[in-house]
Protein backbone atom coordinates (compact mmCIF):
# COMPACT_ATOMS: atom_id res chain seq x y z
CA MET A 1 147.86 -86.46 -9.71
CA LYS A 2 144.71 -87.79 -10.58
CA GLU A 3 141.88 -86.20 -8.32
CA ILE A 4 142.85 -84.37 -4.86
CA LEU A 5 140.92 -82.76 -2.52
CA LEU A 6 141.99 -79.80 -0.39
CA GLY A 7 140.65 -77.99 2.55
CA ASP A 8 137.11 -77.75 3.18
CA TYR A 9 136.09 -79.36 -0.35
CA GLY A 10 132.79 -81.32 -0.02
CA LYS A 11 132.79 -81.01 3.95
CA ILE A 12 130.66 -78.84 5.13
CA VAL A 13 127.43 -79.85 3.48
CA PRO A 14 126.62 -83.79 3.29
CA PRO A 15 126.32 -84.96 -0.33
CA ASP A 16 123.20 -85.92 0.40
CA ARG A 17 121.23 -82.72 1.52
CA SER A 18 118.93 -81.21 -1.38
CA ALA A 19 119.66 -77.64 -1.78
CA ASP A 20 116.79 -75.10 -1.16
CA SER A 21 117.76 -72.74 -4.20
CA HIS A 22 120.04 -73.95 -6.94
CA VAL A 23 121.50 -72.19 -9.47
CA GLN A 24 123.96 -72.83 -12.04
CA ILE A 25 125.69 -70.71 -14.76
CA ILE A 26 128.16 -71.49 -17.66
CA ILE A 27 130.96 -68.79 -18.91
CA THR A 28 134.06 -68.63 -21.48
CA PRO A 29 136.64 -66.75 -19.93
CA LEU A 30 136.50 -64.85 -23.12
CA ASP A 31 133.60 -62.79 -22.20
CA LEU A 32 135.03 -61.71 -19.25
CA VAL A 33 138.53 -60.96 -20.33
CA THR A 34 137.36 -59.04 -23.36
CA PHE A 35 134.69 -57.43 -20.95
CA TRP A 36 136.39 -57.25 -17.44
CA LYS A 37 133.38 -55.32 -16.08
CA ARG A 38 130.99 -58.18 -16.85
CA VAL A 39 132.85 -59.81 -13.68
CA GLY A 40 131.48 -57.35 -11.81
CA THR A 41 128.08 -57.33 -12.85
CA LEU A 42 127.67 -60.97 -12.81
CA ALA A 43 129.00 -60.74 -9.41
CA ASP A 44 126.55 -58.03 -8.45
CA PHE A 45 123.85 -60.16 -9.88
CA VAL A 46 124.08 -62.86 -8.17
CA ALA A 47 124.58 -61.29 -4.77
CA GLY A 48 121.35 -59.50 -5.80
CA PHE A 49 119.89 -62.41 -6.41
CA TYR A 50 120.75 -64.58 -3.52
CA SER A 51 120.79 -61.30 -0.82
CA TYR A 52 117.64 -61.82 -0.45
CA SER A 53 117.76 -65.60 1.01
CA PHE A 54 119.65 -63.90 3.56
CA VAL A 55 117.93 -60.43 4.32
CA LYS A 56 114.91 -60.02 6.53
CA LEU A 57 113.10 -56.66 4.57
CA ASP A 58 112.17 -54.07 6.38
CA SER A 59 111.66 -50.66 5.76
CA SER A 60 115.10 -49.69 6.57
CA VAL A 61 116.13 -51.30 3.55
CA LYS A 62 115.93 -49.34 0.66
CA ASP A 63 117.99 -51.41 -1.76
CA ILE A 64 119.45 -54.94 -1.11
CA SER A 65 122.12 -53.54 -2.70
CA GLU A 66 123.39 -51.65 0.32
CA THR A 67 123.22 -54.67 2.65
CA PRO A 68 126.38 -56.46 4.01
CA VAL A 69 125.33 -59.33 2.58
CA PHE A 70 125.22 -58.17 -1.09
CA HIS A 71 128.73 -56.70 -1.32
CA SER A 72 130.03 -59.83 1.06
CA ILE A 73 128.54 -62.22 -1.66
CA SER A 74 129.27 -59.68 -4.39
CA THR A 75 132.93 -59.29 -3.55
CA VAL A 76 133.38 -63.18 -2.82
CA PHE A 77 132.13 -64.41 -6.03
CA ASN A 78 134.23 -61.73 -7.80
CA GLU A 79 137.55 -63.45 -6.44
CA LEU A 80 135.89 -66.49 -7.80
CA ILE A 81 134.99 -65.97 -11.11
CA GLU A 82 138.26 -63.68 -11.42
CA ASN A 83 140.48 -66.54 -10.74
CA ALA A 84 139.13 -68.94 -13.00
CA ALA A 85 139.12 -66.41 -15.56
CA LYS A 86 142.64 -65.54 -15.36
CA TYR A 87 143.95 -69.26 -14.86
CA SER A 88 141.85 -70.89 -17.34
CA MET A 89 143.92 -72.42 -20.19
CA ASP A 90 141.84 -72.45 -23.20
CA LYS A 91 139.96 -68.76 -22.99
CA LYS A 92 137.00 -70.64 -25.13
CA ALA A 93 137.00 -72.92 -22.58
CA ASN A 94 133.64 -73.31 -20.28
CA ILE A 95 133.65 -72.26 -16.49
CA ARG A 96 131.22 -73.59 -14.41
CA ILE A 97 129.08 -72.37 -11.83
CA ASP A 98 127.35 -73.38 -9.25
CA LEU A 99 125.80 -71.73 -6.77
CA ASN A 100 123.61 -73.59 -3.66
CA GLN A 101 121.67 -72.13 -0.65
CA PHE A 102 121.58 -74.91 2.19
CA GLY A 103 119.58 -72.36 4.53
CA THR A 104 121.97 -69.41 5.94
CA ILE A 105 124.76 -71.40 4.10
CA PHE A 106 125.37 -70.03 0.22
CA LYS A 107 127.83 -72.09 -1.43
CA MET A 108 129.37 -70.95 -4.50
CA GLN A 109 131.42 -73.07 -6.91
CA VAL A 110 133.58 -72.13 -9.62
CA GLU A 111 135.25 -74.52 -11.85
CA ASN A 112 137.80 -73.80 -14.71
CA SER A 113 140.32 -75.85 -16.80
CA THR A 114 144.09 -74.99 -17.21
CA SER A 115 147.37 -77.03 -17.62
CA VAL A 116 148.73 -79.38 -15.11
CA GLU A 117 151.54 -77.30 -14.10
CA SER A 118 149.06 -74.47 -12.97
CA ALA A 119 147.02 -76.99 -11.55
CA GLU A 120 150.37 -78.43 -9.33
CA ASN A 121 151.65 -74.11 -8.91
CA PHE A 122 147.76 -73.94 -7.46
CA LYS A 123 147.97 -77.23 -5.38
CA ARG A 124 150.98 -76.18 -3.68
CA VAL A 125 150.00 -72.80 -3.07
CA MET A 126 145.95 -73.96 -1.39
CA SER A 127 147.51 -76.14 0.57
CA GLU A 128 150.19 -73.98 2.06
CA VAL A 129 147.00 -71.48 2.04
CA PHE A 130 144.82 -74.17 3.93
CA ALA A 131 148.07 -75.31 6.34
CA SER A 132 148.36 -72.08 7.81
CA ASP A 133 147.61 -71.29 11.30
CA ASP A 134 147.50 -67.49 10.42
CA VAL A 135 145.55 -66.90 7.00
CA GLU A 136 146.20 -62.96 7.81
CA SER A 137 150.22 -63.36 8.22
CA LEU A 138 150.29 -65.35 5.05
CA TYR A 139 148.08 -63.03 3.11
CA PHE A 140 150.47 -59.85 3.94
CA GLN A 141 153.62 -62.28 3.44
CA LYS A 142 152.60 -63.33 0.03
CA LEU A 143 151.65 -59.46 -1.13
CA GLU A 144 155.67 -58.43 -0.37
CA GLN A 145 156.55 -61.63 -2.35
CA ASN A 146 154.65 -60.76 -5.35
CA SER A 147 155.44 -56.97 -5.31
CA ALA A 148 158.90 -58.17 -5.23
CA ASP A 149 158.85 -60.60 -7.91
CA PRO A 150 155.03 -60.23 -9.82
CA SER A 151 155.81 -62.90 -12.08
CA SER A 152 156.16 -65.33 -9.22
CA GLY A 153 152.83 -67.41 -10.96
CA HIS A 154 150.01 -67.99 -8.96
CA SER A 155 149.65 -66.57 -5.65
CA GLY A 156 146.32 -67.15 -4.25
CA ILE A 157 145.86 -63.71 -2.92
CA GLY A 158 142.50 -63.44 -3.61
CA LEU A 159 141.44 -66.54 -2.01
CA MET A 160 143.55 -65.41 0.72
CA MET A 161 141.43 -62.47 0.87
CA ILE A 162 138.10 -64.34 1.15
CA LEU A 163 139.39 -66.37 4.28
CA LYS A 164 140.89 -63.78 5.74
CA ASP A 165 138.10 -61.02 5.98
CA PHE A 166 134.75 -62.87 5.09
CA PRO A 167 133.05 -66.39 7.45
CA CYS A 168 133.87 -68.51 4.79
CA LYS A 169 134.73 -71.92 4.37
CA MET A 170 137.26 -73.13 1.54
CA GLY A 171 137.75 -76.30 -0.69
CA VAL A 172 139.50 -77.28 -3.60
CA ARG A 173 139.22 -80.31 -5.96
CA ILE A 174 141.56 -80.75 -8.92
CA ARG A 175 141.50 -83.83 -11.63
CA GLU A 176 143.93 -84.35 -14.44
CA LYS A 177 141.88 -85.89 -17.28
CA ASP A 178 142.47 -87.81 -20.29
CA ASP A 179 142.38 -84.45 -22.49
CA GLY A 180 145.69 -83.33 -20.83
CA LEU A 181 144.06 -80.91 -18.68
CA ALA A 182 143.75 -80.44 -15.49
CA TYR A 183 139.74 -79.23 -14.17
CA VAL A 184 140.00 -77.01 -11.13
CA LEU A 185 136.57 -76.63 -8.56
CA THR A 186 136.94 -74.07 -6.10
CA GLU A 187 133.88 -74.43 -3.46
CA VAL A 188 133.37 -71.26 -1.14
CA TYR A 189 130.83 -71.82 1.75
CA TYR A 190 129.59 -68.77 2.98
CA ASP A 191 127.52 -68.13 6.51
CA THR A 192 125.52 -65.63 5.61
CA THR A 193 124.63 -65.34 9.44
CA GLU A 194 127.58 -63.43 10.75
CA SER A 195 127.18 -60.71 7.74
CA VAL A 196 123.84 -60.01 8.41
C-alpha cells in the first residue's frame, strides 16, 4: 500500500477550483484526548464560523447555534476529529485540518498519522462502507458487532453515521510513507443546501 483512494475522494470539487474560504488548523491528538471537551468546542467553533456562510440571517434567527446547519456541521466535524484523535499512532503528532467552502459545499479534510496495520484495518472497513448500497443497515449491523465484541478494532460507526444521517459525500486517501507510518486523510463534502 503506497497510496489508496477510496469513496468520493477528490471527486466532488474539481482540484483546480479555488475555494471561497479556507481555514487550516493544526492540533495534536494529545490536546484532544487529555481534554476531550476540546473536540466539541472545536467543532462548535468551526460550525459557528462557517454557518454564517450558509444561513440567511433574518429576524427569526436569534443565534446561529440554533440553526440546523450549525448542528449538522458541528456533529459531522466532531466525528471526523474524534476519529483522527482516537486512531493517531503518536499522540504528539499533528492532526491537520483543512476547511474549504465552495459555494454551498463545505469540504472538511482531517489528516492523521497511524500505524500501517491500523490503516489497513481502516481501509478494509471503509471499503466495505463505500461498497454498501445500504449504509443504514450496515451501520446497525456494526453496532451489534461492536456490542458483542468491543475490542474488534476500528468499526467506522461514526463515519457511517455521517453518511447515513447527513447530506454528505465522503472520501479517504491512505498514503504509506518511508517513515513507517500511514497518513490517513478523510474528507467530507457537506451539501449545506439540504440542511438550511
